């Protein structure tokens, strides 16, 4: 990009934002912020997407004060944050401070109303952060399926948690295992417990007999 500028080639905001995104992906935030400064120096006028990319990168590293400061600078420069910008800030705050996101609340509400299948459709939205709060939401969904007499779906939720390196509650999964066994789902029951063993967790005593 530097060569392009030296040779008089056109370099636009999208090009700069792409480079900033690359630095954020590599967790090189200082380099990304430096590129933002360069944009202002040569009057390239970063847009809302540029700022949102940086806000997300800062939030991902827990640098929330800097992320909020950057959002405020957007406003001072007459740039209106987009819906994506606001969602990014909320998401990173929720991730850092263990707050429930809107998705957590909706999933839990649907479970409470007896609609676990609808809640399951939103599961990917909370498993993206894989926080302690998300684990609690997953446990509510697992219990909801158990109440409906659907341990196979509870098993699927637990497996998705494992796939995101989020360890489900062992006692709860022990209940899922028992229900699976009662329904003749021996293979799934064994696989569920095996995932705990593979991750170094000790099974309940009755499991080891």
N, C-alpha and C. Protein backbone atom coordinates (compact mmCIF):
# COMPACT_ATOMS: atom_id res chain seq x y z
N UNK A 1 0.82 -1.20 0.00
CA UNK A 1 0.00 0.00 0.00
C UNK A 1 0.87 1.26 0.00
N UNK A 2 1.97 1.18 0.74
CA UNK A 2 2.92 2.30 0.75
C UNK A 2 3.48 2.54 -0.65
N UNK A 3 3.80 1.46 -1.36
CA UNK A 3 4.31 1.58 -2.73
C UNK A 3 3.28 2.23 -3.64
N UNK A 4 2.02 1.86 -3.45
CA UNK A 4 0.95 2.46 -4.25
C UNK A 4 0.91 3.97 -4.05
N UNK A 5 1.01 4.39 -2.79
CA UNK A 5 0.97 5.82 -2.48
C UNK A 5 2.16 6.55 -3.08
N UNK A 6 3.34 5.92 -3.02
CA UNK A 6 4.55 6.53 -3.57
C UNK A 6 4.44 6.72 -5.08
N UNK A 7 3.79 5.76 -5.73
CA UNK A 7 3.68 5.80 -7.19
C UNK A 7 2.45 6.57 -7.66
N UNK A 8 1.72 7.16 -6.71
CA UNK A 8 0.57 7.98 -7.08
C UNK A 8 -0.68 7.20 -7.38
N UNK A 9 -0.68 5.91 -7.05
CA UNK A 9 -1.88 5.10 -7.26
C UNK A 9 -2.93 5.45 -6.22
N UNK A 10 -4.18 5.24 -6.60
CA UNK A 10 -5.28 5.54 -5.68
C UNK A 10 -5.40 4.48 -4.61
N UNK A 11 -5.39 4.90 -3.36
CA UNK A 11 -5.62 4.01 -2.23
C UNK A 11 -6.81 4.57 -1.45
N UNK A 12 -7.88 3.78 -1.34
CA UNK A 12 -9.10 4.31 -0.73
C UNK A 12 -9.30 3.82 0.71
N UNK A 13 -10.40 4.24 1.28
CA UNK A 13 -10.71 3.90 2.67
C UNK A 13 -10.82 2.39 2.86
N UNK A 14 -11.39 1.71 1.87
CA UNK A 14 -11.56 0.26 1.96
C UNK A 14 -10.19 -0.43 2.05
N UNK A 15 -9.22 0.05 1.27
CA UNK A 15 -7.87 -0.52 1.32
C UNK A 15 -7.26 -0.37 2.71
N UNK A 16 -7.38 0.84 3.26
CA UNK A 16 -6.83 1.09 4.60
C UNK A 16 -7.54 0.22 5.65
N UNK A 17 -8.86 0.14 5.54
CA UNK A 17 -9.65 -0.64 6.50
C UNK A 17 -9.26 -2.11 6.44
N UNK A 18 -8.97 -2.60 5.24
CA UNK A 18 -8.55 -3.99 5.08
C UNK A 18 -7.25 -4.25 5.82
N UNK A 19 -6.32 -3.32 5.70
CA UNK A 19 -5.04 -3.46 6.40
C UNK A 19 -5.25 -3.41 7.92
N UNK A 20 -6.10 -2.49 8.37
CA UNK A 20 -6.41 -2.38 9.79
C UNK A 20 -7.03 -3.68 10.30
N UNK A 21 -7.94 -4.23 9.52
CA UNK A 21 -8.58 -5.49 9.90
C UNK A 21 -7.53 -6.60 10.04
N UNK A 22 -6.59 -6.63 9.11
CA UNK A 22 -5.52 -7.64 9.16
C UNK A 22 -4.69 -7.52 10.43
N UNK A 23 -4.33 -6.29 10.79
CA UNK A 23 -3.57 -6.08 12.03
C UNK A 23 -4.39 -6.51 13.26
N UNK A 24 -5.70 -6.21 13.23
CA UNK A 24 -6.56 -6.60 14.36
C UNK A 24 -6.65 -8.11 14.47
N UNK A 25 -6.70 -8.79 13.33
CA UNK A 25 -6.76 -10.25 13.34
C UNK A 25 -5.50 -10.86 13.95
N UNK A 26 -4.38 -10.17 13.78
CA UNK A 26 -3.11 -10.65 14.34
C UNK A 26 -2.85 -10.08 15.73
N UNK A 27 -3.86 -9.36 16.28
CA UNK A 27 -3.75 -8.74 17.60
C UNK A 27 -2.63 -7.70 17.67
N UNK A 28 -2.33 -7.08 16.54
CA UNK A 28 -1.33 -6.00 16.51
C UNK A 28 -2.08 -4.67 16.50
N UNK A 29 -2.68 -4.36 17.66
CA UNK A 29 -3.56 -3.20 17.75
C UNK A 29 -2.83 -1.87 17.60
N UNK A 30 -1.62 -1.79 18.11
CA UNK A 30 -0.88 -0.53 18.00
C UNK A 30 -0.58 -0.20 16.53
N UNK A 31 -0.27 -1.23 15.75
CA UNK A 31 -0.04 -1.03 14.32
C UNK A 31 -1.33 -0.59 13.64
N UNK A 32 -2.46 -1.20 14.03
CA UNK A 32 -3.75 -0.84 13.45
C UNK A 32 -4.10 0.62 13.77
N UNK A 33 -3.85 1.02 15.01
CA UNK A 33 -4.12 2.41 15.40
C UNK A 33 -3.21 3.39 14.67
N UNK A 34 -1.99 2.95 14.39
CA UNK A 34 -1.05 3.78 13.65
C UNK A 34 -1.56 4.02 12.23
N UNK A 35 -2.13 2.99 11.63
CA UNK A 35 -2.70 3.13 10.27
C UNK A 35 -3.86 4.13 10.29
N UNK A 36 -4.67 4.07 11.35
CA UNK A 36 -5.78 5.02 11.48
C UNK A 36 -5.24 6.45 11.53
N UNK A 37 -4.17 6.67 12.31
CA UNK A 37 -3.56 8.00 12.37
C UNK A 37 -3.06 8.45 11.00
N UNK A 38 -2.46 7.51 10.26
CA UNK A 38 -1.97 7.82 8.92
C UNK A 38 -3.11 8.26 8.00
N UNK A 39 -4.25 7.62 8.15
CA UNK A 39 -5.41 7.97 7.31
C UNK A 39 -5.81 9.42 7.53
N UNK A 40 -5.83 9.84 8.80
CA UNK A 40 -6.19 11.22 9.08
C UNK A 40 -5.12 12.19 8.57
N UNK A 41 -3.86 11.78 8.65
CA UNK A 41 -2.76 12.65 8.18
C UNK A 41 -2.85 12.94 6.70
N UNK A 42 -3.30 11.95 5.92
CA UNK A 42 -3.37 12.15 4.46
C UNK A 42 -4.81 12.37 3.99
N UNK A 43 -5.68 12.72 4.96
CA UNK A 43 -7.07 13.09 4.65
C UNK A 43 -7.86 12.00 3.92
N UNK A 44 -7.70 10.77 4.39
CA UNK A 44 -8.46 9.67 3.79
C UNK A 44 -9.80 9.43 4.48
N UNK A 45 -10.03 10.11 5.61
CA UNK A 45 -11.31 10.11 6.31
C UNK A 45 -11.87 8.70 6.58
N UNK A 46 -11.39 8.06 7.63
CA UNK A 46 -11.91 6.73 8.01
C UNK A 46 -13.42 6.79 8.21
N UNK A 47 -14.10 5.72 7.81
CA UNK A 47 -15.55 5.69 7.95
C UNK A 47 -15.97 4.86 9.18
N UNK A 48 -17.27 4.65 9.31
CA UNK A 48 -17.78 3.91 10.47
C UNK A 48 -17.26 2.47 10.50
N UNK A 49 -17.08 1.88 9.33
CA UNK A 49 -16.58 0.50 9.26
C UNK A 49 -15.15 0.43 9.79
N UNK A 50 -14.33 1.42 9.41
CA UNK A 50 -12.95 1.47 9.88
C UNK A 50 -12.91 1.53 11.41
N UNK A 51 -13.70 2.43 11.97
CA UNK A 51 -13.72 2.60 13.42
C UNK A 51 -14.28 1.36 14.13
N UNK A 52 -15.33 0.78 13.56
CA UNK A 52 -15.94 -0.40 14.17
C UNK A 52 -14.95 -1.56 14.21
N UNK A 53 -14.16 -1.70 13.15
CA UNK A 53 -13.14 -2.75 13.09
C UNK A 53 -12.15 -2.59 14.24
N UNK A 54 -11.73 -1.36 14.46
CA UNK A 54 -10.77 -1.09 15.54
C UNK A 54 -11.41 -1.23 16.92
N UNK A 55 -12.65 -0.79 17.04
CA UNK A 55 -13.36 -0.91 18.32
C UNK A 55 -13.48 -2.37 18.72
N UNK A 56 -13.79 -3.21 17.74
CA UNK A 56 -13.92 -4.64 18.01
C UNK A 56 -12.56 -5.24 18.40
N UNK A 57 -11.51 -4.83 17.69
CA UNK A 57 -10.18 -5.33 18.00
C UNK A 57 -9.72 -4.93 19.40
N UNK A 58 -9.99 -3.69 19.78
CA UNK A 58 -9.62 -3.22 21.12
C UNK A 58 -10.43 -3.95 22.19
N UNK A 59 -11.72 -4.11 21.92
CA UNK A 59 -12.58 -4.81 22.87
C UNK A 59 -12.17 -6.26 23.06
N UNK A 60 -11.75 -6.88 21.98
CA UNK A 60 -11.33 -8.28 22.03
C UNK A 60 -10.14 -8.46 22.97
N UNK A 61 -9.27 -7.45 23.03
CA UNK A 61 -8.11 -7.51 23.91
C UNK A 61 -8.39 -6.93 25.30
N UNK A 62 -9.64 -6.58 25.54
CA UNK A 62 -9.99 -6.05 26.86
C UNK A 62 -9.67 -4.58 27.04
N UNK A 63 -9.32 -3.90 25.96
CA UNK A 63 -8.98 -2.47 26.04
C UNK A 63 -10.25 -1.63 25.83
N UNK A 64 -11.22 -1.81 26.74
CA UNK A 64 -12.54 -1.21 26.56
C UNK A 64 -12.52 0.31 26.67
N UNK A 65 -11.67 0.87 27.54
CA UNK A 65 -11.61 2.33 27.66
C UNK A 65 -11.19 2.96 26.35
N UNK A 66 -10.20 2.34 25.69
CA UNK A 66 -9.75 2.85 24.40
C UNK A 66 -10.83 2.68 23.33
N UNK A 67 -11.57 1.56 23.42
CA UNK A 67 -12.64 1.31 22.46
C UNK A 67 -13.74 2.37 22.59
N UNK A 68 -14.12 2.68 23.84
CA UNK A 68 -15.15 3.70 24.08
C UNK A 68 -14.63 5.08 23.65
N UNK A 69 -13.36 5.35 23.93
CA UNK A 69 -12.76 6.63 23.53
C UNK A 69 -12.82 6.79 22.02
N UNK A 70 -12.55 5.69 21.29
CA UNK A 70 -12.58 5.74 19.84
C UNK A 70 -14.01 5.97 19.33
N UNK A 71 -14.98 5.36 20.00
CA UNK A 71 -16.38 5.56 19.63
C UNK A 71 -16.78 7.02 19.85
N UNK A 72 -16.30 7.61 20.94
CA UNK A 72 -16.59 9.03 21.21
C UNK A 72 -15.95 9.94 20.17
N UNK A 73 -14.73 9.57 19.73
CA UNK A 73 -14.05 10.36 18.70
C UNK A 73 -14.83 10.32 17.39
N UNK A 74 -15.46 9.18 17.12
CA UNK A 74 -16.31 9.07 15.93
C UNK A 74 -17.39 10.14 15.96
N UNK A 75 -18.05 10.25 17.12
CA UNK A 75 -19.14 11.20 17.26
C UNK A 75 -18.64 12.64 17.11
N UNK A 76 -17.48 12.93 17.73
CA UNK A 76 -16.93 14.28 17.66
C UNK A 76 -16.57 14.67 16.22
N UNK A 77 -16.23 13.66 15.43
CA UNK A 77 -15.88 13.92 14.03
C UNK A 77 -17.08 13.87 13.09
N UNK A 78 -18.27 13.74 13.69
CA UNK A 78 -19.48 13.74 12.88
C UNK A 78 -19.82 12.41 12.24
N UNK A 79 -19.15 11.33 12.71
CA UNK A 79 -19.43 9.99 12.18
C UNK A 79 -20.43 9.29 13.09
N UNK A 80 -21.55 8.89 12.54
CA UNK A 80 -22.55 8.21 13.34
C UNK A 80 -22.25 6.72 13.42
N UNK A 81 -22.16 6.16 14.64
CA UNK A 81 -21.97 4.71 14.78
C UNK A 81 -23.14 3.97 14.15
N UNK A 82 -22.87 2.84 13.52
CA UNK A 82 -23.92 2.02 12.93
C UNK A 82 -24.46 1.05 13.98
N UNK A 83 -25.50 0.31 13.59
CA UNK A 83 -26.04 -0.72 14.48
C UNK A 83 -24.97 -1.75 14.81
N UNK A 84 -24.11 -2.03 13.83
CA UNK A 84 -23.02 -2.99 14.04
C UNK A 84 -22.04 -2.47 15.08
N UNK A 85 -21.76 -1.17 15.04
CA UNK A 85 -20.86 -0.56 16.02
C UNK A 85 -21.40 -0.74 17.43
N UNK A 86 -22.68 -0.44 17.61
CA UNK A 86 -23.28 -0.58 18.94
C UNK A 86 -23.29 -2.03 19.40
N UNK A 87 -23.63 -2.95 18.48
CA UNK A 87 -23.64 -4.37 18.85
C UNK A 87 -22.24 -4.85 19.24
N UNK A 88 -21.24 -4.31 18.54
CA UNK A 88 -19.85 -4.69 18.83
C UNK A 88 -19.46 -4.25 20.23
N UNK A 89 -19.78 -3.02 20.58
CA UNK A 89 -19.46 -2.51 21.92
C UNK A 89 -20.18 -3.32 22.99
N UNK A 90 -21.48 -3.56 22.78
CA UNK A 90 -22.27 -4.33 23.75
C UNK A 90 -21.71 -5.74 23.91
N UNK A 91 -21.39 -6.36 22.77
CA UNK A 91 -20.86 -7.73 22.78
C UNK A 91 -19.56 -7.81 23.57
N UNK A 92 -18.65 -6.88 23.32
CA UNK A 92 -17.35 -6.92 24.01
C UNK A 92 -17.49 -6.60 25.49
N UNK A 93 -18.40 -5.68 25.85
CA UNK A 93 -18.65 -5.41 27.26
C UNK A 93 -19.20 -6.66 27.95
N UNK A 94 -20.15 -7.30 27.27
CA UNK A 94 -20.77 -8.51 27.83
C UNK A 94 -19.74 -9.60 28.03
N UNK A 95 -18.84 -9.73 27.05
CA UNK A 95 -17.81 -10.76 27.11
C UNK A 95 -16.84 -10.51 28.26
N UNK A 96 -16.45 -9.24 28.43
CA UNK A 96 -15.44 -8.92 29.44
C UNK A 96 -16.01 -8.97 30.86
N UNK A 97 -17.24 -8.49 31.02
CA UNK A 97 -17.77 -8.36 32.38
C UNK A 97 -18.81 -9.42 32.74
N UNK A 98 -18.97 -10.42 31.87
CA UNK A 98 -19.86 -11.52 32.18
C UNK A 98 -21.32 -11.13 32.24
N UNK A 99 -21.72 -10.20 31.39
CA UNK A 99 -23.12 -9.78 31.36
C UNK A 99 -23.90 -10.64 30.36
N UNK A 100 -25.18 -10.73 30.58
CA UNK A 100 -26.01 -11.44 29.62
C UNK A 100 -26.26 -10.57 28.39
N UNK A 101 -26.12 -11.17 27.22
CA UNK A 101 -26.46 -10.45 26.00
C UNK A 101 -27.95 -10.63 25.74
N UNK A 102 -28.45 -9.93 24.73
CA UNK A 102 -29.86 -10.08 24.37
C UNK A 102 -30.16 -11.52 23.97
N UNK A 103 -29.20 -12.17 23.31
CA UNK A 103 -29.40 -13.56 22.87
C UNK A 103 -29.52 -14.50 24.08
N UNK A 104 -28.67 -14.29 25.09
CA UNK A 104 -28.78 -15.11 26.31
C UNK A 104 -30.18 -14.98 26.89
N UNK A 105 -30.65 -13.76 26.98
CA UNK A 105 -31.95 -13.51 27.60
C UNK A 105 -33.09 -14.11 26.79
N UNK A 106 -33.00 -14.00 25.46
CA UNK A 106 -34.05 -14.55 24.60
C UNK A 106 -34.09 -16.07 24.71
N UNK A 107 -32.91 -16.71 24.67
CA UNK A 107 -32.84 -18.17 24.78
C UNK A 107 -33.44 -18.64 26.10
N UNK A 108 -33.07 -17.98 27.18
CA UNK A 108 -33.57 -18.37 28.49
C UNK A 108 -35.08 -18.14 28.61
N UNK A 109 -35.55 -17.06 28.00
CA UNK A 109 -36.98 -16.77 28.03
C UNK A 109 -37.76 -17.82 27.24
N UNK A 110 -37.25 -18.18 26.07
CA UNK A 110 -37.91 -19.20 25.25
C UNK A 110 -37.97 -20.54 25.98
N UNK A 111 -36.89 -20.87 26.68
CA UNK A 111 -36.88 -22.11 27.48
C UNK A 111 -37.94 -22.06 28.57
N UNK A 112 -38.04 -20.91 29.21
CA UNK A 112 -39.03 -20.74 30.27
C UNK A 112 -40.46 -20.86 29.76
N UNK A 113 -40.66 -20.48 28.50
CA UNK A 113 -42.00 -20.55 27.90
C UNK A 113 -42.27 -21.91 27.27
N UNK A 114 -41.26 -22.78 27.30
CA UNK A 114 -41.46 -24.12 26.76
C UNK A 114 -41.19 -24.24 25.27
N UNK A 115 -40.28 -23.39 24.74
CA UNK A 115 -39.93 -23.45 23.32
C UNK A 115 -38.43 -23.70 23.12
N UNK A 116 -37.93 -24.84 23.60
CA UNK A 116 -36.48 -25.09 23.49
C UNK A 116 -35.96 -25.19 22.06
N UNK A 117 -36.80 -25.69 21.14
CA UNK A 117 -36.36 -25.80 19.75
C UNK A 117 -36.09 -24.43 19.13
N UNK A 118 -36.92 -23.45 19.48
CA UNK A 118 -36.71 -22.08 19.00
C UNK A 118 -35.45 -21.51 19.64
N UNK A 119 -35.25 -21.82 20.91
CA UNK A 119 -34.05 -21.35 21.61
C UNK A 119 -32.79 -21.96 20.99
N UNK A 120 -32.88 -23.23 20.61
CA UNK A 120 -31.72 -23.93 20.03
C UNK A 120 -31.24 -23.24 18.75
N UNK A 121 -32.16 -22.67 17.99
CA UNK A 121 -31.80 -21.99 16.74
C UNK A 121 -30.89 -20.79 16.98
N UNK A 122 -30.93 -20.24 18.19
CA UNK A 122 -30.12 -19.07 18.52
C UNK A 122 -28.83 -19.43 19.25
N UNK A 123 -28.62 -20.72 19.46
CA UNK A 123 -27.49 -21.15 20.29
C UNK A 123 -26.15 -20.67 19.76
N UNK A 124 -25.98 -20.66 18.45
CA UNK A 124 -24.72 -20.22 17.86
C UNK A 124 -24.38 -18.78 18.20
N UNK A 125 -25.40 -17.98 18.49
CA UNK A 125 -25.17 -16.57 18.80
C UNK A 125 -24.45 -16.39 20.14
N UNK A 126 -24.70 -17.29 21.09
CA UNK A 126 -24.04 -17.17 22.39
C UNK A 126 -22.77 -18.00 22.46
N UNK A 127 -22.69 -19.07 21.68
CA UNK A 127 -21.49 -19.89 21.71
C UNK A 127 -20.30 -19.22 21.03
N UNK A 128 -20.58 -18.10 20.37
CA UNK A 128 -19.48 -17.37 19.74
C UNK A 128 -18.51 -16.79 20.76
N UNK A 129 -19.02 -16.45 21.94
CA UNK A 129 -18.15 -15.89 22.98
C UNK A 129 -17.69 -16.95 23.97
N UNK A 130 -18.52 -17.98 24.14
CA UNK A 130 -18.18 -19.12 25.01
C UNK A 130 -17.72 -18.66 26.40
N UNK A 131 -18.51 -17.82 27.03
CA UNK A 131 -18.18 -17.32 28.37
C UNK A 131 -18.94 -18.13 29.43
N UNK A 132 -18.67 -17.83 30.69
CA UNK A 132 -19.36 -18.49 31.79
C UNK A 132 -20.86 -18.24 31.72
N UNK A 133 -21.24 -17.03 31.35
CA UNK A 133 -22.66 -16.69 31.22
C UNK A 133 -23.30 -17.54 30.12
N UNK A 134 -22.56 -17.73 29.02
CA UNK A 134 -23.09 -18.55 27.93
C UNK A 134 -23.27 -20.00 28.37
N UNK A 135 -22.35 -20.48 29.21
CA UNK A 135 -22.46 -21.85 29.72
C UNK A 135 -23.75 -21.99 30.54
N UNK A 136 -24.07 -21.01 31.36
CA UNK A 136 -25.28 -21.05 32.16
C UNK A 136 -26.53 -21.09 31.28
N UNK A 137 -26.49 -20.31 30.19
CA UNK A 137 -27.61 -20.31 29.25
C UNK A 137 -27.77 -21.69 28.60
N UNK A 138 -26.66 -22.30 28.23
CA UNK A 138 -26.69 -23.65 27.64
C UNK A 138 -27.26 -24.66 28.63
N UNK A 139 -26.89 -24.51 29.90
CA UNK A 139 -27.40 -25.43 30.92
C UNK A 139 -28.92 -25.32 31.06
N UNK A 140 -29.42 -24.11 30.94
CA UNK A 140 -30.88 -23.90 31.01
C UNK A 140 -31.56 -24.60 29.84
N UNK A 141 -30.93 -24.53 28.66
CA UNK A 141 -31.49 -25.19 27.48
C UNK A 141 -31.43 -26.71 27.63
N UNK A 142 -30.34 -27.22 28.17
CA UNK A 142 -30.20 -28.67 28.41
C UNK A 142 -31.30 -29.15 29.36
N UNK A 143 -31.51 -28.41 30.44
CA UNK A 143 -32.53 -28.78 31.41
C UNK A 143 -33.93 -28.70 30.80
N UNK A 144 -34.13 -27.70 29.93
CA UNK A 144 -35.42 -27.54 29.28
C UNK A 144 -35.75 -28.76 28.42
N UNK A 145 -34.76 -29.24 27.69
CA UNK A 145 -34.96 -30.44 26.88
C UNK A 145 -35.20 -31.68 27.74
N UNK A 146 -34.51 -31.76 28.87
CA UNK A 146 -34.72 -32.90 29.78
C UNK A 146 -36.15 -32.91 30.31
N UNK A 147 -36.68 -31.74 30.64
CA UNK A 147 -38.05 -31.64 31.13
C UNK A 147 -39.04 -32.08 30.07
N UNK A 148 -38.68 -31.85 28.80
CA UNK A 148 -39.55 -32.26 27.70
C UNK A 148 -39.40 -33.74 27.36
N UNK A 149 -38.47 -34.41 28.03
CA UNK A 149 -38.23 -35.81 27.73
C UNK A 149 -37.45 -36.00 26.44
N UNK A 150 -36.57 -35.04 26.15
CA UNK A 150 -35.79 -35.09 24.92
C UNK A 150 -34.29 -35.03 25.25
N UNK A 151 -33.75 -36.10 25.83
CA UNK A 151 -32.34 -36.09 26.23
C UNK A 151 -31.38 -36.04 25.04
N UNK A 152 -31.83 -36.49 23.87
CA UNK A 152 -30.96 -36.47 22.69
C UNK A 152 -30.61 -35.03 22.31
N UNK A 153 -31.60 -34.14 22.41
CA UNK A 153 -31.33 -32.73 22.13
C UNK A 153 -30.44 -32.11 23.20
N UNK A 154 -30.63 -32.54 24.45
CA UNK A 154 -29.74 -32.08 25.53
C UNK A 154 -28.31 -32.50 25.22
N UNK A 155 -28.15 -33.71 24.75
CA UNK A 155 -26.84 -34.24 24.36
C UNK A 155 -26.22 -33.38 23.26
N UNK A 156 -27.02 -32.99 22.28
CA UNK A 156 -26.51 -32.17 21.17
C UNK A 156 -26.03 -30.81 21.66
N UNK A 157 -26.75 -30.23 22.62
CA UNK A 157 -26.34 -28.94 23.18
C UNK A 157 -25.00 -29.10 23.89
N UNK A 158 -24.86 -30.16 24.69
CA UNK A 158 -23.61 -30.41 25.41
C UNK A 158 -22.45 -30.60 24.43
N UNK A 159 -22.70 -31.32 23.34
CA UNK A 159 -21.64 -31.54 22.34
C UNK A 159 -21.21 -30.23 21.69
N UNK A 160 -22.16 -29.36 21.43
CA UNK A 160 -21.82 -28.06 20.85
C UNK A 160 -20.99 -27.23 21.83
N UNK A 161 -21.27 -27.38 23.10
CA UNK A 161 -20.47 -26.69 24.11
C UNK A 161 -19.04 -27.21 24.08
N UNK A 162 -18.89 -28.52 24.05
CA UNK A 162 -17.55 -29.11 23.99
C UNK A 162 -16.79 -28.63 22.75
N UNK A 163 -17.50 -28.52 21.64
CA UNK A 163 -16.86 -28.08 20.39
C UNK A 163 -16.33 -26.65 20.47
N UNK A 164 -16.89 -25.87 21.41
CA UNK A 164 -16.44 -24.49 21.61
C UNK A 164 -15.53 -24.38 22.84
N UNK A 165 -15.01 -25.55 23.28
CA UNK A 165 -14.14 -25.59 24.47
C UNK A 165 -14.82 -25.00 25.70
N UNK A 166 -16.12 -25.22 25.79
CA UNK A 166 -16.91 -24.78 26.93
C UNK A 166 -17.42 -26.04 27.63
N UNK A 167 -16.89 -26.32 28.80
CA UNK A 167 -17.19 -27.57 29.49
C UNK A 167 -18.55 -27.48 30.21
N UNK A 168 -19.50 -28.34 29.83
CA UNK A 168 -20.80 -28.32 30.52
C UNK A 168 -20.72 -28.87 31.93
N UNK A 169 -21.77 -28.64 32.70
CA UNK A 169 -21.81 -29.12 34.08
C UNK A 169 -21.86 -30.65 34.09
N UNK A 170 -20.93 -31.26 34.83
CA UNK A 170 -20.81 -32.72 34.83
C UNK A 170 -22.04 -33.40 35.45
N UNK A 171 -22.54 -32.85 36.56
CA UNK A 171 -23.71 -33.46 37.21
C UNK A 171 -24.93 -33.41 36.30
N UNK A 172 -25.08 -32.30 35.59
CA UNK A 172 -26.21 -32.17 34.67
C UNK A 172 -26.07 -33.17 33.52
N UNK A 173 -24.86 -33.30 33.00
CA UNK A 173 -24.64 -34.24 31.90
C UNK A 173 -24.77 -35.69 32.36
N UNK A 174 -24.54 -35.93 33.65
CA UNK A 174 -24.75 -37.27 34.20
C UNK A 174 -26.24 -37.62 34.12
N UNK A 175 -27.09 -36.63 34.36
CA UNK A 175 -28.53 -36.83 34.22
C UNK A 175 -28.90 -37.11 32.76
N UNK A 176 -28.26 -36.35 31.86
CA UNK A 176 -28.51 -36.55 30.43
C UNK A 176 -28.11 -37.96 30.04
N UNK A 177 -26.96 -38.41 30.54
CA UNK A 177 -26.47 -39.76 30.25
C UNK A 177 -27.47 -40.81 30.71
N UNK A 178 -28.01 -40.66 31.92
CA UNK A 178 -28.98 -41.62 32.47
C UNK A 178 -30.23 -41.68 31.60
N UNK A 179 -30.71 -40.50 31.17
CA UNK A 179 -31.91 -40.46 30.34
C UNK A 179 -31.64 -41.09 28.97
N UNK A 180 -30.45 -40.85 28.43
CA UNK A 180 -30.09 -41.46 27.15
C UNK A 180 -30.06 -42.98 27.27
N UNK A 181 -29.49 -43.47 28.36
CA UNK A 181 -29.42 -44.91 28.59
C UNK A 181 -30.83 -45.52 28.69
N UNK A 182 -31.71 -44.81 29.39
CA UNK A 182 -33.08 -45.29 29.54
C UNK A 182 -33.80 -45.37 28.19
N UNK A 183 -33.41 -44.48 27.29
CA UNK A 183 -34.03 -44.47 25.96
C UNK A 183 -33.30 -45.33 24.94
N UNK A 184 -32.33 -46.09 25.40
CA UNK A 184 -31.61 -46.98 24.50
C UNK A 184 -30.51 -46.30 23.70
N UNK A 185 -30.17 -45.06 24.05
CA UNK A 185 -29.12 -44.31 23.35
C UNK A 185 -27.78 -44.52 24.06
N UNK A 186 -27.34 -45.76 24.09
CA UNK A 186 -26.11 -46.11 24.82
C UNK A 186 -24.88 -45.46 24.18
N UNK A 187 -24.82 -45.44 22.87
CA UNK A 187 -23.66 -44.88 22.18
C UNK A 187 -23.48 -43.40 22.51
N UNK A 188 -24.58 -42.64 22.44
CA UNK A 188 -24.51 -41.21 22.76
C UNK A 188 -24.13 -40.99 24.23
N UNK A 189 -24.69 -41.82 25.11
CA UNK A 189 -24.38 -41.72 26.54
C UNK A 189 -22.89 -41.92 26.80
N UNK A 190 -22.32 -42.93 26.15
CA UNK A 190 -20.89 -43.21 26.31
C UNK A 190 -20.04 -42.07 25.74
N UNK A 191 -20.45 -41.55 24.57
CA UNK A 191 -19.68 -40.47 23.94
C UNK A 191 -19.68 -39.22 24.80
N UNK A 192 -20.82 -38.96 25.44
CA UNK A 192 -20.93 -37.77 26.30
C UNK A 192 -19.94 -37.84 27.46
N UNK A 193 -19.91 -38.97 28.13
CA UNK A 193 -19.01 -39.13 29.26
C UNK A 193 -17.54 -39.17 28.82
N UNK A 194 -17.31 -39.74 27.64
CA UNK A 194 -15.95 -39.84 27.12
C UNK A 194 -15.34 -38.45 26.89
N UNK A 195 -16.17 -37.50 26.51
CA UNK A 195 -15.66 -36.15 26.26
C UNK A 195 -15.13 -35.51 27.54
N UNK A 196 -15.72 -35.85 28.67
CA UNK A 196 -15.20 -35.36 29.95
C UNK A 196 -13.85 -36.01 30.26
N UNK A 197 -13.78 -37.31 30.04
CA UNK A 197 -12.54 -38.06 30.32
C UNK A 197 -11.41 -37.53 29.45
N UNK A 198 -11.69 -37.28 28.18
CA UNK A 198 -10.66 -36.79 27.25
C UNK A 198 -10.11 -35.44 27.67
N UNK A 199 -10.90 -34.69 28.42
CA UNK A 199 -10.48 -33.36 28.88
C UNK A 199 -9.98 -33.37 30.32
N UNK A 200 -9.74 -34.59 30.82
CA UNK A 200 -9.13 -34.73 32.15
C UNK A 200 -10.05 -34.58 33.32
N UNK A 201 -11.36 -34.71 33.09
CA UNK A 201 -12.31 -34.59 34.20
C UNK A 201 -12.60 -35.95 34.80
N UNK A 202 -12.76 -35.97 36.12
CA UNK A 202 -13.04 -37.21 36.83
C UNK A 202 -14.54 -37.46 36.85
N UNK A 203 -14.93 -38.67 36.47
CA UNK A 203 -16.34 -39.01 36.44
C UNK A 203 -16.84 -39.34 37.84
N UNK A 204 -18.17 -39.22 38.08
CA UNK A 204 -18.74 -39.62 39.36
C UNK A 204 -18.41 -41.08 39.66
N UNK A 205 -18.35 -41.42 40.94
CA UNK A 205 -17.92 -42.76 41.36
C UNK A 205 -18.73 -43.88 40.73
N UNK A 206 -20.06 -43.70 40.63
CA UNK A 206 -20.90 -44.77 40.06
C UNK A 206 -20.59 -45.01 38.60
N UNK A 207 -20.00 -44.00 37.93
CA UNK A 207 -19.63 -44.16 36.52
C UNK A 207 -18.42 -45.06 36.37
N UNK A 208 -17.58 -45.08 37.41
CA UNK A 208 -16.29 -45.77 37.31
C UNK A 208 -16.38 -47.22 37.79
N UNK A 209 -17.54 -47.60 38.30
CA UNK A 209 -17.68 -48.96 38.84
C UNK A 209 -17.70 -49.98 37.71
